[in-house]
Amino acid sequence: MKRLTLMLLALCALAAPIALFAADSMPAVGQMAPAFKLQDQNGKWQSLGQYKGDWVVLYFYPKDFTPGCTTEVCKFRDDYLKIRKEGAHVLAVSLDDVKSHAAFARKYHAPFPMLADTSHTVAGEYGVLTSMMGIHYAKRTTFIIDPQGRIAKVYAGVDPGANSAQIIADLPKLKAADKT
């Protein structure tokens, strides 16, 4: 019952978010992406620095096993090879713990790291931390980070069913603009 209540509250939060804990603002295009070091679903530490020189798709989502988040992880899973073909890595972040991410990734066969921001620090630094009725979550937001570690594009309030397709469409344009 507690899990169902939490899921319903998370869904309500998606419908009418109230930003109570968001940082002053999200990093803007051209700014350096905030560094982080978080554990993935396998307990392995992942840092933004280890991807220096590569494109990174960093997507924040509210909660494991909720309908929108399940749609989003499955779309990114299905489009993962296309995104990798464009030379980008996918990293997913929520406030859930490693154990929850492990079950979520296993159930939906996520081929990319799912990072546990249990301290809420990274979500705060990226300006996506929010809360409703005492439940904290990350707003559904995606950042594309260029090989130099700068924010290349921000997608706020994304449609979980369309986000990965947007990334696939925009990556070639961003890469072309980066070469000029």
N, C-alpha and C. Protein backbone atom coordinates (compact mmCIF):
# COMPACT_ATOMS: atom_id res chain seq x y z
N MET A 1 0.82 -1.19 0.00
CA MET A 1 0.00 0.00 0.00
C MET A 1 0.87 1.26 0.00
N LYS A 2 1.97 1.22 0.79
CA LYS A 2 2.87 2.37 0.86
C LYS A 2 3.47 2.66 -0.51
N ARG A 3 3.87 1.61 -1.22
CA ARG A 3 4.47 1.78 -2.55
C ARG A 3 3.45 2.38 -3.51
N LEU A 4 2.20 1.89 -3.46
CA LEU A 4 1.15 2.43 -4.32
C LEU A 4 0.91 3.90 -4.01
N THR A 5 0.89 4.25 -2.75
CA THR A 5 0.70 5.64 -2.35
C THR A 5 1.83 6.51 -2.88
N LEU A 6 3.06 6.04 -2.76
CA LEU A 6 4.20 6.79 -3.27
C LEU A 6 4.12 6.95 -4.79
N MET A 7 3.70 5.90 -5.47
CA MET A 7 3.59 5.98 -6.93
C MET A 7 2.50 6.99 -7.32
N LEU A 8 1.38 6.97 -6.63
CA LEU A 8 0.31 7.92 -6.94
C LEU A 8 0.74 9.35 -6.66
N LEU A 9 1.45 9.55 -5.57
CA LEU A 9 1.94 10.89 -5.27
C LEU A 9 2.95 11.35 -6.31
N ALA A 10 3.80 10.44 -6.76
CA ALA A 10 4.77 10.80 -7.80
C ALA A 10 4.05 11.17 -9.09
N LEU A 11 3.01 10.44 -9.44
CA LEU A 11 2.24 10.77 -10.64
C LEU A 11 1.57 12.12 -10.51
N CYS A 12 1.02 12.41 -9.34
CA CYS A 12 0.42 13.72 -9.10
C CYS A 12 1.47 14.81 -9.23
N ALA A 13 2.65 14.52 -8.73
CA ALA A 13 3.72 15.50 -8.81
C ALA A 13 4.10 15.81 -10.25
N LEU A 14 4.00 14.83 -11.10
CA LEU A 14 4.30 15.05 -12.51
C LEU A 14 3.25 15.93 -13.17
N ALA A 15 2.03 15.80 -12.72
CA ALA A 15 0.94 16.57 -13.32
C ALA A 15 0.98 18.04 -12.90
N ALA A 16 1.40 18.31 -11.69
CA ALA A 16 1.41 19.69 -11.20
C ALA A 16 2.62 19.91 -10.29
N PRO A 17 3.82 19.95 -10.87
CA PRO A 17 5.01 20.07 -10.04
C PRO A 17 5.11 21.43 -9.35
N ILE A 18 5.61 21.38 -8.13
CA ILE A 18 5.88 22.58 -7.38
C ILE A 18 7.36 22.55 -7.05
N ALA A 19 8.11 23.45 -7.65
CA ALA A 19 9.56 23.46 -7.45
C ALA A 19 9.89 24.11 -6.12
N LEU A 20 10.26 23.29 -5.15
CA LEU A 20 10.60 23.82 -3.85
C LEU A 20 12.10 23.77 -3.57
N PHE A 21 12.79 22.82 -4.18
CA PHE A 21 14.18 22.63 -3.85
C PHE A 21 15.11 22.81 -5.05
N ALA A 22 14.58 23.24 -6.17
CA ALA A 22 15.43 23.38 -7.35
C ALA A 22 16.51 24.42 -7.09
N ALA A 23 17.68 24.19 -7.66
CA ALA A 23 18.76 25.16 -7.56
C ALA A 23 18.29 26.44 -8.24
N ASP A 24 19.09 27.48 -8.13
CA ASP A 24 18.70 28.75 -8.72
C ASP A 24 18.23 28.58 -10.16
N SER A 25 18.94 27.77 -10.93
CA SER A 25 18.53 27.52 -12.30
C SER A 25 19.30 26.33 -12.85
N MET A 26 18.80 25.85 -13.95
CA MET A 26 19.51 24.77 -14.64
C MET A 26 20.74 25.37 -15.31
N PRO A 27 21.77 24.57 -15.49
CA PRO A 27 22.91 25.09 -16.25
C PRO A 27 22.45 25.40 -17.68
N ALA A 28 22.89 26.51 -18.20
CA ALA A 28 22.47 26.97 -19.52
C ALA A 28 23.39 26.39 -20.61
N VAL A 29 22.88 26.42 -21.82
CA VAL A 29 23.69 26.00 -22.96
C VAL A 29 24.98 26.82 -22.97
N GLY A 30 26.09 26.13 -23.13
CA GLY A 30 27.40 26.77 -23.15
C GLY A 30 28.12 26.72 -21.81
N GLN A 31 27.39 26.52 -20.72
CA GLN A 31 28.02 26.42 -19.40
C GLN A 31 28.59 25.02 -19.20
N MET A 32 29.57 24.94 -18.32
CA MET A 32 30.12 23.63 -17.97
C MET A 32 29.05 22.84 -17.22
N ALA A 33 28.94 21.57 -17.55
CA ALA A 33 28.00 20.69 -16.85
C ALA A 33 28.56 20.41 -15.46
N PRO A 34 27.72 20.45 -14.44
CA PRO A 34 28.20 20.13 -13.09
C PRO A 34 28.77 18.70 -13.03
N ALA A 35 29.92 18.58 -12.41
CA ALA A 35 30.56 17.26 -12.27
C ALA A 35 29.78 16.43 -11.26
N PHE A 36 29.87 15.13 -11.40
CA PHE A 36 29.21 14.24 -10.44
C PHE A 36 29.93 12.90 -10.38
N LYS A 37 29.65 12.18 -9.31
CA LYS A 37 30.12 10.81 -9.14
C LYS A 37 29.01 10.08 -8.40
N LEU A 38 28.35 9.15 -9.10
CA LEU A 38 27.21 8.41 -8.54
C LEU A 38 27.36 6.93 -8.86
N GLN A 39 26.71 6.09 -8.05
CA GLN A 39 26.71 4.66 -8.33
C GLN A 39 25.59 4.31 -9.31
N ASP A 40 25.91 3.35 -10.19
CA ASP A 40 24.90 2.88 -11.13
C ASP A 40 24.17 1.67 -10.55
N GLN A 41 23.31 1.07 -11.35
CA GLN A 41 22.48 -0.05 -10.90
C GLN A 41 23.30 -1.28 -10.51
N ASN A 42 24.56 -1.31 -10.89
CA ASN A 42 25.43 -2.43 -10.53
C ASN A 42 26.37 -2.09 -9.38
N GLY A 43 26.20 -0.90 -8.81
CA GLY A 43 27.06 -0.47 -7.71
C GLY A 43 28.38 0.11 -8.18
N LYS A 44 28.56 0.24 -9.50
CA LYS A 44 29.79 0.79 -10.06
C LYS A 44 29.70 2.33 -10.05
N TRP A 45 30.79 2.96 -9.66
CA TRP A 45 30.82 4.43 -9.64
C TRP A 45 30.99 4.97 -11.05
N GLN A 46 30.18 5.94 -11.37
CA GLN A 46 30.22 6.61 -12.67
C GLN A 46 30.43 8.10 -12.41
N SER A 47 31.29 8.72 -13.20
CA SER A 47 31.49 10.16 -13.08
C SER A 47 31.40 10.79 -14.46
N LEU A 48 31.02 12.05 -14.47
CA LEU A 48 30.96 12.76 -15.75
C LEU A 48 32.35 12.82 -16.37
N GLY A 49 33.37 12.98 -15.54
CA GLY A 49 34.75 13.08 -16.03
C GLY A 49 35.21 11.89 -16.84
N GLN A 50 34.68 10.71 -16.56
CA GLN A 50 35.12 9.53 -17.32
C GLN A 50 34.60 9.54 -18.75
N TYR A 51 33.67 10.44 -19.05
CA TYR A 51 33.12 10.55 -20.40
C TYR A 51 33.68 11.76 -21.15
N LYS A 52 34.69 12.43 -20.58
CA LYS A 52 35.29 13.58 -21.24
C LYS A 52 35.79 13.16 -22.62
N GLY A 53 35.49 13.97 -23.61
CA GLY A 53 35.87 13.65 -24.98
C GLY A 53 34.74 12.98 -25.76
N ASP A 54 33.65 12.64 -25.06
CA ASP A 54 32.49 12.01 -25.69
C ASP A 54 31.24 12.84 -25.44
N TRP A 55 30.24 12.64 -26.26
CA TRP A 55 28.93 13.24 -26.05
C TRP A 55 28.19 12.42 -24.99
N VAL A 56 27.42 13.10 -24.16
CA VAL A 56 26.66 12.43 -23.10
C VAL A 56 25.21 12.92 -23.13
N VAL A 57 24.29 11.97 -23.08
CA VAL A 57 22.88 12.27 -22.89
C VAL A 57 22.59 11.94 -21.44
N LEU A 58 22.34 12.97 -20.64
CA LEU A 58 22.10 12.81 -19.21
C LEU A 58 20.62 13.11 -18.98
N TYR A 59 19.85 12.06 -18.69
CA TYR A 59 18.43 12.31 -18.48
C TYR A 59 18.01 12.01 -17.05
N PHE A 60 17.28 12.96 -16.49
CA PHE A 60 16.73 12.85 -15.14
C PHE A 60 15.27 12.42 -15.25
N TYR A 61 14.87 11.55 -14.35
CA TYR A 61 13.48 11.09 -14.35
C TYR A 61 13.01 10.96 -12.91
N PRO A 62 11.68 11.04 -12.68
CA PRO A 62 11.16 11.09 -11.31
C PRO A 62 11.30 9.83 -10.47
N LYS A 63 10.88 8.67 -10.99
CA LYS A 63 10.78 7.50 -10.10
C LYS A 63 10.75 6.20 -10.89
N ASP A 64 11.54 5.24 -10.43
CA ASP A 64 11.52 3.90 -11.03
C ASP A 64 10.11 3.30 -10.96
N PHE A 65 9.77 2.56 -11.99
CA PHE A 65 8.53 1.77 -12.07
C PHE A 65 7.24 2.59 -12.20
N THR A 66 7.32 3.89 -12.39
CA THR A 66 6.11 4.66 -12.65
C THR A 66 5.84 4.63 -14.15
N PRO A 67 4.61 4.84 -14.58
CA PRO A 67 4.29 4.69 -16.01
C PRO A 67 5.14 5.54 -16.96
N GLY A 68 5.26 6.83 -16.70
CA GLY A 68 6.04 7.69 -17.59
C GLY A 68 7.51 7.32 -17.62
N CYS A 69 8.05 6.97 -16.46
CA CYS A 69 9.46 6.62 -16.37
C CYS A 69 9.74 5.27 -17.04
N THR A 70 8.78 4.37 -16.95
CA THR A 70 8.91 3.09 -17.65
C THR A 70 8.89 3.32 -19.16
N THR A 71 7.99 4.15 -19.63
CA THR A 71 7.95 4.49 -21.06
C THR A 71 9.29 5.07 -21.49
N GLU A 72 9.81 6.00 -20.70
CA GLU A 72 11.05 6.67 -21.07
C GLU A 72 12.24 5.71 -21.11
N VAL A 73 12.38 4.87 -20.09
CA VAL A 73 13.52 3.95 -20.08
C VAL A 73 13.42 2.96 -21.25
N CYS A 74 12.20 2.54 -21.58
CA CYS A 74 12.03 1.61 -22.71
C CYS A 74 12.34 2.29 -24.04
N LYS A 75 11.96 3.55 -24.20
CA LYS A 75 12.28 4.28 -25.44
C LYS A 75 13.79 4.46 -25.57
N PHE A 76 14.45 4.85 -24.47
CA PHE A 76 15.90 5.00 -24.53
C PHE A 76 16.57 3.65 -24.78
N ARG A 77 16.04 2.58 -24.19
CA ARG A 77 16.56 1.23 -24.44
C ARG A 77 16.43 0.89 -25.92
N ASP A 78 15.25 1.12 -26.48
CA ASP A 78 15.00 0.77 -27.88
C ASP A 78 15.84 1.61 -28.84
N ASP A 79 16.16 2.84 -28.45
CA ASP A 79 16.92 3.75 -29.31
C ASP A 79 18.40 3.82 -28.93
N TYR A 80 18.80 3.02 -27.97
CA TYR A 80 20.16 3.10 -27.45
C TYR A 80 21.22 2.93 -28.54
N LEU A 81 21.08 1.96 -29.41
CA LEU A 81 22.10 1.73 -30.45
C LEU A 81 22.16 2.90 -31.42
N LYS A 82 21.04 3.53 -31.70
CA LYS A 82 21.03 4.71 -32.58
C LYS A 82 21.77 5.87 -31.91
N ILE A 83 21.56 6.04 -30.63
CA ILE A 83 22.24 7.11 -29.89
C ILE A 83 23.73 6.83 -29.83
N ARG A 84 24.10 5.57 -29.57
CA ARG A 84 25.52 5.20 -29.54
C ARG A 84 26.14 5.38 -30.92
N LYS A 85 25.37 5.08 -31.98
CA LYS A 85 25.88 5.27 -33.35
C LYS A 85 26.21 6.74 -33.61
N GLU A 86 25.48 7.63 -32.95
CA GLU A 86 25.75 9.07 -33.05
C GLU A 86 26.91 9.49 -32.14
N GLY A 87 27.48 8.53 -31.43
CA GLY A 87 28.66 8.80 -30.61
C GLY A 87 28.36 9.30 -29.21
N ALA A 88 27.15 9.09 -28.73
CA ALA A 88 26.79 9.58 -27.40
C ALA A 88 26.54 8.42 -26.43
N HIS A 89 26.83 8.67 -25.17
CA HIS A 89 26.53 7.75 -24.08
C HIS A 89 25.24 8.21 -23.42
N VAL A 90 24.47 7.27 -22.91
CA VAL A 90 23.24 7.59 -22.18
C VAL A 90 23.46 7.29 -20.71
N LEU A 91 23.10 8.25 -19.86
CA LEU A 91 23.13 8.08 -18.41
C LEU A 91 21.78 8.56 -17.89
N ALA A 92 21.12 7.73 -17.09
CA ALA A 92 19.83 8.08 -16.49
C ALA A 92 20.04 8.33 -15.00
N VAL A 93 19.34 9.32 -14.45
CA VAL A 93 19.48 9.66 -13.04
C VAL A 93 18.11 9.87 -12.41
N SER A 94 17.93 9.26 -11.24
CA SER A 94 16.78 9.58 -10.39
C SER A 94 17.26 9.51 -8.95
N LEU A 95 16.36 9.82 -8.04
CA LEU A 95 16.70 9.83 -6.62
C LEU A 95 16.57 8.45 -5.98
N ASP A 96 16.12 7.46 -6.76
CA ASP A 96 15.99 6.10 -6.24
C ASP A 96 17.37 5.52 -5.93
N ASP A 97 17.39 4.48 -5.11
CA ASP A 97 18.66 3.88 -4.71
C ASP A 97 19.14 2.82 -5.71
N VAL A 98 20.33 2.34 -5.48
CA VAL A 98 20.96 1.35 -6.37
C VAL A 98 20.10 0.10 -6.50
N LYS A 99 19.55 -0.37 -5.40
CA LYS A 99 18.72 -1.59 -5.42
C LYS A 99 17.49 -1.40 -6.32
N SER A 100 16.83 -0.27 -6.20
CA SER A 100 15.66 0.01 -7.03
C SER A 100 16.06 0.09 -8.50
N HIS A 101 17.18 0.80 -8.77
CA HIS A 101 17.66 0.90 -10.16
C HIS A 101 18.01 -0.47 -10.73
N ALA A 102 18.60 -1.33 -9.91
CA ALA A 102 18.97 -2.67 -10.38
C ALA A 102 17.73 -3.44 -10.82
N ALA A 103 16.68 -3.38 -10.01
CA ALA A 103 15.44 -4.09 -10.36
C ALA A 103 14.79 -3.47 -11.59
N PHE A 104 14.77 -2.15 -11.67
CA PHE A 104 14.17 -1.43 -12.81
C PHE A 104 14.94 -1.73 -14.09
N ALA A 105 16.26 -1.62 -14.03
CA ALA A 105 17.10 -1.89 -15.21
C ALA A 105 16.98 -3.34 -15.66
N ARG A 106 16.94 -4.25 -14.70
CA ARG A 106 16.82 -5.67 -15.02
C ARG A 106 15.47 -5.96 -15.68
N LYS A 107 14.39 -5.44 -15.10
CA LYS A 107 13.05 -5.71 -15.63
C LYS A 107 12.87 -5.19 -17.05
N TYR A 108 13.44 -4.00 -17.32
CA TYR A 108 13.24 -3.38 -18.63
C TYR A 108 14.48 -3.44 -19.53
N HIS A 109 15.48 -4.19 -19.11
CA HIS A 109 16.68 -4.46 -19.92
C HIS A 109 17.39 -3.18 -20.36
N ALA A 110 17.56 -2.25 -19.42
CA ALA A 110 18.26 -1.00 -19.72
C ALA A 110 19.74 -1.30 -19.96
N PRO A 111 20.26 -0.94 -21.13
CA PRO A 111 21.66 -1.24 -21.45
C PRO A 111 22.64 -0.12 -21.06
N PHE A 112 22.17 0.86 -20.32
CA PHE A 112 22.98 2.03 -19.97
C PHE A 112 22.96 2.22 -18.46
N PRO A 113 23.92 2.97 -17.93
CA PRO A 113 23.96 3.22 -16.48
C PRO A 113 22.75 4.02 -16.00
N MET A 114 22.19 3.55 -14.90
CA MET A 114 21.10 4.25 -14.22
C MET A 114 21.66 4.65 -12.86
N LEU A 115 21.82 5.95 -12.66
CA LEU A 115 22.56 6.48 -11.52
C LEU A 115 21.66 6.86 -10.36
N ALA A 116 22.10 6.49 -9.17
CA ALA A 116 21.34 6.73 -7.94
C ALA A 116 21.82 8.00 -7.25
N ASP A 117 20.99 9.03 -7.29
CA ASP A 117 21.30 10.31 -6.64
C ASP A 117 20.54 10.39 -5.32
N THR A 118 20.86 9.49 -4.41
CA THR A 118 20.12 9.40 -3.14
C THR A 118 20.34 10.61 -2.23
N SER A 119 21.42 11.34 -2.43
CA SER A 119 21.68 12.53 -1.62
C SER A 119 20.99 13.77 -2.22
N HIS A 120 20.45 13.62 -3.42
CA HIS A 120 19.75 14.70 -4.14
C HIS A 120 20.69 15.81 -4.60
N THR A 121 21.97 15.62 -4.45
CA THR A 121 22.96 16.65 -4.76
C THR A 121 23.03 16.95 -6.26
N VAL A 122 23.13 15.92 -7.07
CA VAL A 122 23.29 16.13 -8.51
C VAL A 122 22.02 16.75 -9.11
N ALA A 123 20.86 16.24 -8.71
CA ALA A 123 19.61 16.84 -9.18
C ALA A 123 19.54 18.31 -8.80
N GLY A 124 20.01 18.64 -7.61
CA GLY A 124 20.03 20.04 -7.18
C GLY A 124 20.97 20.88 -8.02
N GLU A 125 22.16 20.35 -8.31
CA GLU A 125 23.13 21.09 -9.11
C GLU A 125 22.67 21.30 -10.55
N TYR A 126 21.87 20.38 -11.05
CA TYR A 126 21.33 20.52 -12.40
C TYR A 126 19.99 21.26 -12.42
N GLY A 127 19.53 21.71 -11.24
CA GLY A 127 18.31 22.50 -11.16
C GLY A 127 17.04 21.74 -11.42
N VAL A 128 17.04 20.43 -11.19
CA VAL A 128 15.86 19.62 -11.47
C VAL A 128 15.23 19.01 -10.22
N LEU A 129 15.77 19.31 -9.05
CA LEU A 129 15.24 18.75 -7.81
C LEU A 129 13.98 19.51 -7.41
N THR A 130 12.94 18.77 -7.11
CA THR A 130 11.68 19.38 -6.69
C THR A 130 11.01 18.48 -5.67
N SER A 131 9.91 18.94 -5.13
CA SER A 131 9.21 18.19 -4.10
C SER A 131 7.73 18.53 -4.14
N MET A 132 6.93 17.54 -3.78
CA MET A 132 5.51 17.77 -3.61
C MET A 132 5.04 16.92 -2.44
N MET A 133 4.36 17.56 -1.52
CA MET A 133 3.83 16.86 -0.36
C MET A 133 4.92 16.07 0.37
N GLY A 134 6.12 16.64 0.43
CA GLY A 134 7.21 16.01 1.15
C GLY A 134 7.95 14.93 0.40
N ILE A 135 7.55 14.65 -0.82
CA ILE A 135 8.24 13.63 -1.63
C ILE A 135 9.14 14.34 -2.63
N HIS A 136 10.42 14.03 -2.56
CA HIS A 136 11.39 14.63 -3.47
C HIS A 136 11.50 13.80 -4.73
N TYR A 137 11.73 14.46 -5.84
CA TYR A 137 11.97 13.76 -7.09
C TYR A 137 12.70 14.68 -8.05
N ALA A 138 13.22 14.12 -9.11
CA ALA A 138 13.88 14.89 -10.16
C ALA A 138 12.87 15.16 -11.26
N LYS A 139 12.81 16.41 -11.70
CA LYS A 139 11.92 16.76 -12.82
C LYS A 139 12.46 16.08 -14.08
N ARG A 140 11.55 15.67 -14.93
CA ARG A 140 11.92 14.99 -16.17
C ARG A 140 12.60 16.00 -17.09
N THR A 141 13.93 15.92 -17.15
CA THR A 141 14.75 16.87 -17.89
C THR A 141 15.93 16.12 -18.48
N THR A 142 16.31 16.50 -19.70
CA THR A 142 17.45 15.86 -20.35
C THR A 142 18.46 16.92 -20.77
N PHE A 143 19.74 16.61 -20.57
CA PHE A 143 20.84 17.48 -20.97
C PHE A 143 21.71 16.71 -21.96
N ILE A 144 22.08 17.38 -23.04
CA ILE A 144 23.12 16.82 -23.90
C ILE A 144 24.38 17.59 -23.56
N ILE A 145 25.43 16.85 -23.25
CA ILE A 145 26.71 17.43 -22.85
C ILE A 145 27.73 17.12 -23.93
N ASP A 146 28.45 18.15 -24.38
CA ASP A 146 29.40 17.98 -25.47
C ASP A 146 30.71 17.37 -24.97
N PRO A 147 31.62 17.02 -25.88
CA PRO A 147 32.87 16.36 -25.48
C PRO A 147 33.76 17.20 -24.56
N GLN A 148 33.57 18.52 -24.54
CA GLN A 148 34.34 19.38 -23.66
C GLN A 148 33.70 19.52 -22.28
N GLY A 149 32.53 18.90 -22.10
CA GLY A 149 31.86 18.95 -20.81
C GLY A 149 30.90 20.13 -20.66
N ARG A 150 30.54 20.76 -21.76
CA ARG A 150 29.61 21.89 -21.74
C ARG A 150 28.20 21.43 -22.10
N ILE A 151 27.22 22.12 -21.55
CA ILE A 151 25.83 21.84 -21.90
C ILE A 151 25.61 22.27 -23.35
N ALA A 152 25.18 21.34 -24.18
CA ALA A 152 24.92 21.64 -25.60
C ALA A 152 23.43 21.86 -25.86
N LYS A 153 22.57 21.21 -25.07
CA LYS A 153 21.12 21.35 -25.25
C LYS A 153 20.44 20.91 -23.96
N VAL A 154 19.32 21.58 -23.66
CA VAL A 154 18.51 21.25 -22.49
C VAL A 154 17.08 21.00 -22.97
N TYR A 155 16.51 19.90 -22.52
CA TYR A 155 15.11 19.58 -22.78
C TYR A 155 14.40 19.54 -21.43
N ALA A 156 13.56 20.52 -21.16
CA ALA A 156 12.84 20.57 -19.88
C ALA A 156 11.42 20.08 -20.09
N GLY A 157 10.89 19.38 -19.10
CA GLY A 157 9.51 18.91 -19.18
C GLY A 157 9.26 18.03 -20.38
N VAL A 158 10.16 17.12 -20.63
CA VAL A 158 10.10 16.31 -21.85
C VAL A 158 8.94 15.31 -21.86
N ASP A 159 8.53 14.93 -23.02
CA ASP A 159 7.56 13.86 -23.23
C ASP A 159 8.34 12.55 -23.16
N PRO A 160 8.04 11.69 -22.19
CA PRO A 160 8.84 10.46 -22.04
C PRO A 160 8.80 9.55 -23.25
N GLY A 161 7.76 9.63 -24.05
CA GLY A 161 7.68 8.78 -25.23
C GLY A 161 8.40 9.34 -26.45
N ALA A 162 8.78 10.62 -26.39
CA ALA A 162 9.38 11.27 -27.56
C ALA A 162 10.82 11.72 -27.34
N ASN A 163 11.29 11.73 -26.10
CA ASN A 163 12.58 12.32 -25.79
C ASN A 163 13.75 11.68 -26.53
N SER A 164 13.80 10.36 -26.56
CA SER A 164 14.95 9.71 -27.22
C SER A 164 14.97 10.02 -28.71
N ALA A 165 13.79 10.12 -29.33
CA ALA A 165 13.74 10.47 -30.76
C ALA A 165 14.23 11.91 -30.98
N GLN A 166 13.91 12.81 -30.05
CA GLN A 166 14.41 14.18 -30.14
C GLN A 166 15.93 14.19 -30.08
N ILE A 167 16.48 13.39 -29.20
CA ILE A 167 17.93 13.30 -29.04
C ILE A 167 18.57 12.82 -30.35
N ILE A 168 18.00 11.77 -30.92
CA ILE A 168 18.54 11.21 -32.16
C ILE A 168 18.49 12.24 -33.28
N ALA A 169 17.43 13.03 -33.34
CA ALA A 169 17.30 14.06 -34.38
C ALA A 169 18.27 15.22 -34.14
N ASP A 170 18.52 15.57 -32.89
CA ASP A 170 19.33 16.75 -32.59
C ASP A 170 20.83 16.49 -32.52
N LEU A 171 21.24 15.29 -32.17
CA LEU A 171 22.67 15.02 -32.02
C LEU A 171 23.49 15.34 -33.28
N PRO A 172 23.07 14.92 -34.47
CA PRO A 172 23.87 15.26 -35.65
C PRO A 172 24.02 16.77 -35.85
N LYS A 173 22.96 17.51 -35.57
CA LYS A 173 23.02 18.98 -35.72
C LYS A 173 23.98 19.59 -34.70
N LEU A 174 23.90 19.11 -33.48
CA LEU A 174 24.78 19.63 -32.43
C LEU A 174 26.24 19.28 -32.73
N LYS A 175 26.48 18.07 -33.21
CA LYS A 175 27.83 17.66 -33.55
C LYS A 175 28.39 18.49 -34.71
N ALA A 176 27.55 18.77 -35.71
CA ALA A 176 27.97 19.59 -36.86
C ALA A 176 28.29 21.01 -36.40
N ALA A 177 27.46 21.57 -35.53
CA ALA A 177 27.70 22.93 -35.03
C ALA A 177 28.96 22.98 -34.17
N ASP A 178 29.28 21.89 -33.48
CA ASP A 178 30.45 21.82 -32.61
C ASP A 178 31.74 21.84 -33.43
N LYS A 179 31.69 21.41 -34.67
CA LYS A 179 32.88 21.34 -35.51
C LYS A 179 33.21 22.68 -36.17
N THR A 180 32.24 23.58 -36.15
CA THR A 180 32.48 24.87 -36.84
C THR A 180 33.16 25.87 -35.95
